[in-house]
Structure formats: C-alpha cells, structure tokens
Amino acid sequence: MKVNGYDIPRKLYYSREHQWAVIDDDGNARIGITDYAQKMLKEITFVYLPSKGISVNIGDVLCVIESIKARIDTYVPLTGEILKVNEELNKKPFIINEDPYGDGWIVTIHPSMSETELQRLINARQYAEYVKGLIRRDKDLMIHKWKRR
C-alpha cells in the first residue's frame, strides 16, 4: 500500500520508531527501516552496524544511520540474537534509500520473543494510519510556522 508516496508493504510488522520486521519460515526476523524513515533521512551516507552474534533487547540501539540530513539511532524491535548483518551497507549505505524493504535490510535476528512481544508491533494498516498522523502533524506545524511570520 502507499500513503502519500510512502511504500508500506502489507506482510510486514512495524514499530512506531519506523523499523520493519518480517518473520521467515525458520522463525527468524529480518529487520530494516521503513520507506518513510529513509525518505525523511534523505541520502544515507553511513551505517554503523552491530556485531553478529550479540544479544539484543527491545529498545536497544540496533545501529546508527548517518545521512546528509541527520544522524539517528535505530532501535531493536524484537528481542533476540543477531544472526546476520548486511555487510553490504558498509560499502553502499545508499542501498537503504534504493530498496529499504529488500536489499537495504539491516540485520536478521533469531527472536527469543514471546507472542506478546510480536503483538507490540503494528500491522501495515496501523502503520499507515500512524504515518498519516505524522504527515498531518507536520503539515499543521508548517502552517503554524508560516502564520507566525
């Protein structure tokens, strides 16, 4: 689905911090940042990746992403152990801009989660509504800013 030009694939789980997760047939979770997040960052210039094999908890810093616009922490949406790290991002961080839900993935985690942890994430429809709210809020802020001049 698309919301104001932002892609939001239906079969993924989302966090309100703009990470996505997809659970594969082995029960592992591939994780990345959303199209909304990468477009807000603009051109991504560097990704500080985590180490393979470390254990992570919900809310931990997963990686740091630098762009021409900002430097942000990206957070872990599911507890588990990092199985794979997308090392290609060291050489080509802009892959996240080009394909945030495909080749721009960041890590694969073997979740040690309970079902309640997965339920903390939101589905595509809920994330779309969340993004619409952010767009409305940003528009309201810009209108307010213009009226003050």
N, C-alpha and C. Protein backbone atom coordinates (compact mmCIF):
# COMPACT_ATOMS: atom_id res chain seq x y z
N MET A 1 0.85 -1.17 0.00
CA MET A 1 0.00 0.00 0.00
C MET A 1 0.89 1.23 0.00
N LYS A 2 0.34 2.34 -0.44
CA LYS A 2 1.08 3.61 -0.46
C LYS A 2 0.30 4.65 0.34
N VAL A 3 1.04 5.46 1.08
CA VAL A 3 0.47 6.57 1.82
C VAL A 3 1.31 7.80 1.48
N ASN A 4 0.71 8.74 0.76
CA ASN A 4 1.40 9.97 0.38
C ASN A 4 2.78 9.70 -0.23
N GLY A 5 2.87 8.66 -1.05
CA GLY A 5 4.13 8.34 -1.73
C GLY A 5 5.06 7.44 -0.94
N TYR A 6 4.67 7.03 0.26
CA TYR A 6 5.49 6.13 1.07
C TYR A 6 4.99 4.70 0.90
N ASP A 7 5.90 3.78 0.57
CA ASP A 7 5.53 2.37 0.45
C ASP A 7 5.41 1.75 1.83
N ILE A 8 4.33 0.98 2.02
CA ILE A 8 4.09 0.26 3.27
C ILE A 8 3.61 -1.15 2.90
N PRO A 9 4.56 -2.10 2.73
CA PRO A 9 4.16 -3.47 2.38
C PRO A 9 3.26 -4.08 3.46
N ARG A 10 2.26 -4.82 3.00
CA ARG A 10 1.25 -5.37 3.90
C ARG A 10 1.73 -6.51 4.79
N LYS A 11 2.70 -7.29 4.36
CA LYS A 11 3.06 -8.51 5.09
C LYS A 11 4.14 -8.31 6.15
N LEU A 12 4.42 -7.08 6.50
CA LEU A 12 5.46 -6.80 7.48
C LEU A 12 4.86 -6.34 8.80
N TYR A 13 5.66 -6.43 9.84
CA TYR A 13 5.34 -5.84 11.13
C TYR A 13 6.12 -4.53 11.21
N TYR A 14 5.58 -3.54 11.94
CA TYR A 14 6.21 -2.22 12.03
C TYR A 14 6.29 -1.75 13.47
N SER A 15 7.27 -0.89 13.72
CA SER A 15 7.34 -0.21 15.02
C SER A 15 7.05 1.27 14.79
N ARG A 16 6.69 1.96 15.84
CA ARG A 16 6.46 3.40 15.73
C ARG A 16 7.77 4.19 15.63
N GLU A 17 8.88 3.47 15.75
CA GLU A 17 10.20 4.08 15.55
C GLU A 17 10.66 3.88 14.11
N HIS A 18 9.76 3.38 13.26
CA HIS A 18 9.98 3.24 11.81
C HIS A 18 10.92 2.11 11.42
N GLN A 19 10.90 1.03 12.19
CA GLN A 19 11.56 -0.19 11.77
C GLN A 19 10.49 -1.15 11.27
N TRP A 20 10.92 -2.05 10.40
CA TRP A 20 10.03 -3.11 9.94
C TRP A 20 10.68 -4.44 10.28
N ALA A 21 9.86 -5.47 10.35
CA ALA A 21 10.34 -6.83 10.59
C ALA A 21 9.47 -7.79 9.80
N VAL A 22 10.10 -8.79 9.24
CA VAL A 22 9.38 -9.87 8.58
C VAL A 22 9.91 -11.18 9.15
N ILE A 23 9.01 -12.08 9.48
CA ILE A 23 9.39 -13.37 10.05
C ILE A 23 9.48 -14.38 8.91
N ASP A 24 10.63 -15.04 8.76
CA ASP A 24 10.79 -16.02 7.67
C ASP A 24 10.31 -17.40 8.12
N ASP A 25 10.43 -18.37 7.24
CA ASP A 25 9.94 -19.73 7.51
C ASP A 25 10.66 -20.40 8.68
N ASP A 26 11.90 -19.97 8.95
CA ASP A 26 12.67 -20.52 10.06
C ASP A 26 12.37 -19.83 11.39
N GLY A 27 11.50 -18.82 11.35
CA GLY A 27 11.16 -18.08 12.55
C GLY A 27 12.11 -16.94 12.86
N ASN A 28 13.05 -16.64 11.94
CA ASN A 28 13.98 -15.53 12.12
C ASN A 28 13.35 -14.24 11.59
N ALA A 29 13.79 -13.12 12.13
CA ALA A 29 13.22 -11.82 11.75
C ALA A 29 14.27 -10.99 11.01
N ARG A 30 13.95 -10.63 9.78
CA ARG A 30 14.78 -9.68 9.03
C ARG A 30 14.26 -8.29 9.36
N ILE A 31 15.17 -7.36 9.62
CA ILE A 31 14.80 -6.05 10.13
C ILE A 31 15.47 -4.94 9.31
N GLY A 32 14.73 -3.86 9.11
CA GLY A 32 15.27 -2.69 8.42
C GLY A 32 14.49 -1.46 8.82
N ILE A 33 14.74 -0.35 8.12
CA ILE A 33 13.96 0.86 8.37
C ILE A 33 12.95 1.04 7.24
N THR A 34 11.90 1.75 7.53
CA THR A 34 10.80 1.91 6.58
C THR A 34 11.13 2.93 5.49
N ASP A 35 10.31 2.90 4.46
CA ASP A 35 10.42 3.86 3.37
C ASP A 35 10.24 5.28 3.91
N TYR A 36 9.32 5.46 4.83
CA TYR A 36 9.11 6.78 5.44
C TYR A 36 10.40 7.27 6.10
N ALA A 37 11.03 6.40 6.88
CA ALA A 37 12.26 6.77 7.59
C ALA A 37 13.37 7.14 6.63
N GLN A 38 13.58 6.31 5.59
CA GLN A 38 14.68 6.60 4.68
C GLN A 38 14.43 7.87 3.88
N LYS A 39 13.17 8.16 3.56
CA LYS A 39 12.88 9.40 2.83
C LYS A 39 13.04 10.63 3.72
N MET A 40 12.74 10.50 5.01
CA MET A 40 12.95 11.61 5.94
C MET A 40 14.44 11.88 6.12
N LEU A 41 15.25 10.83 6.10
CA LEU A 41 16.70 10.99 6.26
C LEU A 41 17.35 11.57 5.01
N LYS A 42 16.74 11.35 3.89
CA LYS A 42 17.30 11.73 2.58
C LYS A 42 18.46 10.78 2.26
N GLU A 43 19.54 11.29 1.70
CA GLU A 43 20.65 10.44 1.22
C GLU A 43 21.44 9.86 2.39
N ILE A 44 21.38 8.54 2.55
CA ILE A 44 22.10 7.86 3.63
C ILE A 44 23.56 7.72 3.22
N THR A 45 24.45 8.15 4.13
CA THR A 45 25.88 8.19 3.81
C THR A 45 26.71 7.17 4.59
N PHE A 46 26.21 6.69 5.74
CA PHE A 46 26.98 5.73 6.52
C PHE A 46 26.05 5.00 7.48
N VAL A 47 26.36 3.71 7.72
CA VAL A 47 25.60 2.92 8.69
C VAL A 47 26.60 2.25 9.63
N TYR A 48 26.48 2.52 10.93
CA TYR A 48 27.30 1.85 11.94
C TYR A 48 26.54 0.58 12.34
N LEU A 49 27.00 -0.54 11.85
CA LEU A 49 26.30 -1.81 12.03
C LEU A 49 26.68 -2.49 13.35
N PRO A 50 25.76 -3.29 13.89
CA PRO A 50 26.07 -4.05 15.11
C PRO A 50 26.91 -5.28 14.75
N SER A 51 27.37 -5.97 15.77
CA SER A 51 28.15 -7.19 15.57
C SER A 51 27.23 -8.40 15.49
N LYS A 52 27.61 -9.33 14.66
CA LYS A 52 26.90 -10.61 14.56
C LYS A 52 27.13 -11.38 15.86
N GLY A 53 26.08 -12.08 16.31
CA GLY A 53 26.20 -12.94 17.48
C GLY A 53 25.84 -12.29 18.80
N ILE A 54 25.60 -10.99 18.82
CA ILE A 54 25.26 -10.35 20.09
C ILE A 54 23.76 -10.49 20.38
N SER A 55 23.44 -10.48 21.65
CA SER A 55 22.04 -10.50 22.07
C SER A 55 21.55 -9.07 22.21
N VAL A 56 20.31 -8.85 21.76
CA VAL A 56 19.71 -7.52 21.81
C VAL A 56 18.31 -7.61 22.41
N ASN A 57 17.91 -6.52 23.03
CA ASN A 57 16.58 -6.43 23.64
C ASN A 57 15.80 -5.30 22.98
N ILE A 58 14.49 -5.41 23.04
CA ILE A 58 13.63 -4.35 22.51
C ILE A 58 14.08 -3.01 23.09
N GLY A 59 14.23 -2.04 22.22
CA GLY A 59 14.60 -0.69 22.65
C GLY A 59 16.09 -0.41 22.64
N ASP A 60 16.93 -1.46 22.55
CA ASP A 60 18.37 -1.24 22.43
C ASP A 60 18.66 -0.54 21.10
N VAL A 61 19.77 0.17 21.04
CA VAL A 61 20.20 0.74 19.77
C VAL A 61 20.70 -0.40 18.89
N LEU A 62 20.10 -0.53 17.73
CA LEU A 62 20.48 -1.57 16.77
C LEU A 62 21.67 -1.10 15.94
N CYS A 63 21.55 0.10 15.40
CA CYS A 63 22.62 0.69 14.61
C CYS A 63 22.43 2.19 14.57
N VAL A 64 23.42 2.87 14.04
CA VAL A 64 23.34 4.32 13.85
C VAL A 64 23.41 4.57 12.34
N ILE A 65 22.50 5.40 11.85
CA ILE A 65 22.45 5.72 10.43
C ILE A 65 22.73 7.21 10.27
N GLU A 66 23.69 7.51 9.40
CA GLU A 66 24.01 8.90 9.09
C GLU A 66 23.54 9.22 7.68
N SER A 67 23.06 10.45 7.53
CA SER A 67 22.63 10.91 6.21
C SER A 67 23.07 12.36 6.05
N ILE A 68 22.77 12.91 4.89
CA ILE A 68 23.10 14.32 4.67
C ILE A 68 22.26 15.22 5.56
N LYS A 69 21.18 14.67 6.12
CA LYS A 69 20.25 15.46 6.92
C LYS A 69 20.40 15.26 8.44
N ALA A 70 20.74 14.03 8.85
CA ALA A 70 20.72 13.73 10.29
C ALA A 70 21.55 12.48 10.59
N ARG A 71 21.73 12.27 11.88
CA ARG A 71 22.33 11.04 12.40
C ARG A 71 21.35 10.49 13.41
N ILE A 72 20.86 9.27 13.17
CA ILE A 72 19.82 8.72 14.06
C ILE A 72 20.21 7.36 14.60
N ASP A 73 19.70 7.07 15.79
CA ASP A 73 19.78 5.72 16.33
C ASP A 73 18.59 4.95 15.79
N THR A 74 18.83 3.70 15.44
CA THR A 74 17.77 2.80 15.03
C THR A 74 17.64 1.75 16.13
N TYR A 75 16.42 1.46 16.54
CA TYR A 75 16.20 0.62 17.71
C TYR A 75 15.75 -0.79 17.36
N VAL A 76 16.05 -1.70 18.26
CA VAL A 76 15.68 -3.11 18.10
C VAL A 76 14.19 -3.27 18.35
N PRO A 77 13.44 -3.82 17.37
CA PRO A 77 12.01 -4.02 17.59
C PRO A 77 11.65 -5.36 18.24
N LEU A 78 12.61 -6.32 18.26
CA LEU A 78 12.35 -7.64 18.83
C LEU A 78 13.60 -8.14 19.58
N THR A 79 13.40 -8.78 20.70
CA THR A 79 14.49 -9.36 21.47
C THR A 79 15.03 -10.60 20.76
N GLY A 80 16.35 -10.77 20.79
CA GLY A 80 16.93 -11.97 20.19
C GLY A 80 18.43 -11.85 19.98
N GLU A 81 18.96 -12.75 19.15
CA GLU A 81 20.38 -12.77 18.83
C GLU A 81 20.56 -12.40 17.36
N ILE A 82 21.52 -11.53 17.08
CA ILE A 82 21.78 -11.13 15.70
C ILE A 82 22.50 -12.26 14.99
N LEU A 83 21.85 -12.80 13.95
CA LEU A 83 22.42 -13.90 13.17
C LEU A 83 23.21 -13.40 11.97
N LYS A 84 22.68 -12.38 11.31
CA LYS A 84 23.31 -11.85 10.10
C LYS A 84 23.28 -10.33 10.15
N VAL A 85 24.31 -9.75 9.56
CA VAL A 85 24.40 -8.30 9.42
C VAL A 85 24.61 -8.02 7.94
N ASN A 86 23.91 -7.05 7.40
CA ASN A 86 24.04 -6.72 5.98
C ASN A 86 25.33 -5.92 5.77
N GLU A 87 26.43 -6.63 5.61
CA GLU A 87 27.75 -6.02 5.46
C GLU A 87 27.85 -5.14 4.21
N GLU A 88 26.98 -5.38 3.23
CA GLU A 88 26.99 -4.59 2.01
C GLU A 88 26.75 -3.10 2.31
N LEU A 89 26.06 -2.83 3.42
CA LEU A 89 25.78 -1.45 3.81
C LEU A 89 27.05 -0.68 4.18
N ASN A 90 28.13 -1.40 4.54
CA ASN A 90 29.40 -0.72 4.83
C ASN A 90 29.94 -0.03 3.58
N LYS A 91 29.76 -0.67 2.43
CA LYS A 91 30.26 -0.11 1.18
C LYS A 91 29.23 0.74 0.46
N LYS A 92 27.97 0.36 0.60
CA LYS A 92 26.89 1.02 -0.13
C LYS A 92 25.70 1.32 0.79
N PRO A 93 25.85 2.27 1.70
CA PRO A 93 24.75 2.56 2.63
C PRO A 93 23.49 3.07 1.93
N PHE A 94 23.66 3.64 0.75
CA PHE A 94 22.54 4.18 -0.02
C PHE A 94 21.57 3.09 -0.49
N ILE A 95 21.95 1.83 -0.33
CA ILE A 95 21.02 0.74 -0.69
C ILE A 95 19.73 0.87 0.11
N ILE A 96 19.84 1.38 1.33
CA ILE A 96 18.63 1.57 2.15
C ILE A 96 17.68 2.54 1.45
N ASN A 97 18.22 3.60 0.83
CA ASN A 97 17.38 4.55 0.09
C ASN A 97 16.75 3.89 -1.13
N GLU A 98 17.52 3.07 -1.81
CA GLU A 98 17.07 2.46 -3.06
C GLU A 98 16.06 1.33 -2.85
N ASP A 99 16.24 0.55 -1.77
CA ASP A 99 15.42 -0.65 -1.57
C ASP A 99 15.29 -0.95 -0.07
N PRO A 100 14.55 -0.11 0.68
CA PRO A 100 14.51 -0.28 2.13
C PRO A 100 13.91 -1.61 2.60
N TYR A 101 13.03 -2.21 1.80
CA TYR A 101 12.39 -3.46 2.22
C TYR A 101 13.03 -4.69 1.57
N GLY A 102 14.04 -4.50 0.77
CA GLY A 102 14.71 -5.61 0.09
C GLY A 102 16.18 -5.64 0.45
N ASP A 103 17.02 -5.23 -0.51
CA ASP A 103 18.47 -5.27 -0.30
C ASP A 103 18.96 -4.34 0.79
N GLY A 104 18.12 -3.41 1.23
CA GLY A 104 18.51 -2.46 2.27
C GLY A 104 18.22 -2.94 3.69
N TRP A 105 17.96 -4.23 3.87
CA TRP A 105 17.76 -4.76 5.22
C TRP A 105 19.01 -4.52 6.06
N ILE A 106 18.86 -4.50 7.37
CA ILE A 106 19.99 -4.20 8.26
C ILE A 106 20.52 -5.46 8.95
N VAL A 107 19.65 -6.20 9.62
CA VAL A 107 20.07 -7.43 10.32
C VAL A 107 18.99 -8.49 10.22
N THR A 108 19.42 -9.71 10.51
CA THR A 108 18.49 -10.81 10.76
C THR A 108 18.71 -11.24 12.20
N ILE A 109 17.61 -11.35 12.93
CA ILE A 109 17.65 -11.71 14.35
C ILE A 109 16.93 -13.04 14.54
N HIS A 110 17.52 -13.90 15.39
CA HIS A 110 16.79 -15.08 15.85
C HIS A 110 16.05 -14.65 17.11
N PRO A 111 14.73 -14.42 16.96
CA PRO A 111 13.99 -13.88 18.10
C PRO A 111 13.85 -14.88 19.24
N SER A 112 13.97 -14.37 20.44
CA SER A 112 13.69 -15.17 21.63
C SER A 112 12.39 -14.65 22.22
N MET A 113 11.54 -14.18 21.31
CA MET A 113 10.34 -13.45 21.71
C MET A 113 9.18 -14.36 22.07
N SER A 114 8.34 -13.80 22.84
CA SER A 114 7.05 -14.43 23.10
C SER A 114 6.06 -13.81 22.10
N GLU A 115 4.92 -14.38 22.00
CA GLU A 115 3.88 -13.85 21.10
C GLU A 115 3.50 -12.43 21.49
N THR A 116 3.55 -12.11 22.77
CA THR A 116 3.18 -10.76 23.21
C THR A 116 4.16 -9.72 22.69
N GLU A 117 5.42 -10.10 22.55
CA GLU A 117 6.41 -9.17 22.01
C GLU A 117 6.11 -8.83 20.55
N LEU A 118 5.75 -9.82 19.79
CA LEU A 118 5.39 -9.60 18.38
C LEU A 118 4.12 -8.76 18.29
N GLN A 119 3.20 -8.94 19.22
CA GLN A 119 1.96 -8.18 19.22
C GLN A 119 2.17 -6.70 19.56
N ARG A 120 3.33 -6.35 20.10
CA ARG A 120 3.64 -4.94 20.38
C ARG A 120 3.87 -4.17 19.08
N LEU A 121 4.25 -4.90 18.03
CA LEU A 121 4.44 -4.27 16.73
C LEU A 121 3.08 -4.07 16.07
N ILE A 122 3.03 -3.23 15.05
CA ILE A 122 1.76 -2.93 14.40
C ILE A 122 1.76 -3.45 12.97
N ASN A 123 0.58 -3.65 12.42
CA ASN A 123 0.46 -4.14 11.05
C ASN A 123 0.53 -2.96 10.06
N ALA A 124 0.49 -3.26 8.79
CA ALA A 124 0.64 -2.24 7.75
C ALA A 124 -0.46 -1.19 7.83
N ARG A 125 -1.69 -1.60 8.05
CA ARG A 125 -2.79 -0.65 8.13
C ARG A 125 -2.59 0.31 9.30
N GLN A 126 -2.20 -0.22 10.44
CA GLN A 126 -1.97 0.62 11.62
C GLN A 126 -0.78 1.56 11.39
N TYR A 127 0.27 1.04 10.75
CA TYR A 127 1.43 1.90 10.47
C TYR A 127 1.06 2.99 9.47
N ALA A 128 0.23 2.65 8.48
CA ALA A 128 -0.22 3.66 7.50
C ALA A 128 -0.97 4.78 8.21
N GLU A 129 -1.84 4.44 9.15
CA GLU A 129 -2.57 5.46 9.92
C GLU A 129 -1.61 6.30 10.75
N TYR A 130 -0.62 5.65 11.32
CA TYR A 130 0.39 6.37 12.11
C TYR A 130 1.13 7.38 11.23
N VAL A 131 1.56 6.95 10.04
CA VAL A 131 2.27 7.83 9.11
C VAL A 131 1.37 8.99 8.67
N LYS A 132 0.09 8.70 8.39
CA LYS A 132 -0.85 9.77 8.03
C LYS A 132 -0.93 10.81 9.13
N GLY A 133 -0.94 10.36 10.38
CA GLY A 133 -0.97 11.29 11.51
C GLY A 133 0.29 12.14 11.58
N LEU A 134 1.43 11.54 11.31
CA LEU A 134 2.68 12.30 11.30
C LEU A 134 2.68 13.34 10.20
N ILE A 135 2.16 12.97 9.04
CA ILE A 135 2.10 13.90 7.91
C ILE A 135 1.17 15.07 8.25
N ARG A 136 0.00 14.77 8.84
CA ARG A 136 -0.93 15.84 9.25
C ARG A 136 -0.28 16.77 10.27
N ARG A 137 0.40 16.17 11.25
CA ARG A 137 1.05 16.97 12.29
C ARG A 137 2.12 17.87 11.69
N ASP A 138 2.94 17.30 10.78
CA ASP A 138 3.99 18.10 10.13
C ASP A 138 3.39 19.23 9.31
N LYS A 139 2.30 18.95 8.64
CA LYS A 139 1.63 19.98 7.84
C LYS A 139 1.10 21.08 8.75
N ASP A 140 0.48 20.68 9.88
CA ASP A 140 -0.03 21.66 10.84
C ASP A 140 1.10 22.52 11.41
N LEU A 141 2.24 21.91 11.69
CA LEU A 141 3.38 22.66 12.20
C LEU A 141 3.88 23.68 11.18
N MET A 142 3.92 23.28 9.92
CA MET A 142 4.39 24.20 8.87
C MET A 142 3.41 25.36 8.70
N ILE A 143 2.11 25.08 8.75
CA ILE A 143 1.12 26.14 8.63
C ILE A 143 1.27 27.10 9.79
N HIS A 144 1.43 26.56 11.01
CA HIS A 144 1.62 27.39 12.20
C HIS A 144 2.87 28.27 12.05
N LYS A 145 3.94 27.68 11.55
CA LYS A 145 5.20 28.40 11.37
C LYS A 145 5.01 29.55 10.37
N TRP A 146 4.28 29.29 9.28
CA TRP A 146 4.06 30.32 8.26
C TRP A 146 3.18 31.46 8.81
N LYS A 147 2.19 31.10 9.64
CA LYS A 147 1.31 32.13 10.19
C LYS A 147 2.04 33.05 11.15
N ARG A 148 3.09 32.59 11.77
CA ARG A 148 3.84 33.38 12.75
C ARG A 148 4.69 34.45 12.08
N ARG A 149 4.96 34.32 10.81
CA ARG A 149 5.85 35.26 10.12
C ARG A 149 5.19 36.58 9.87
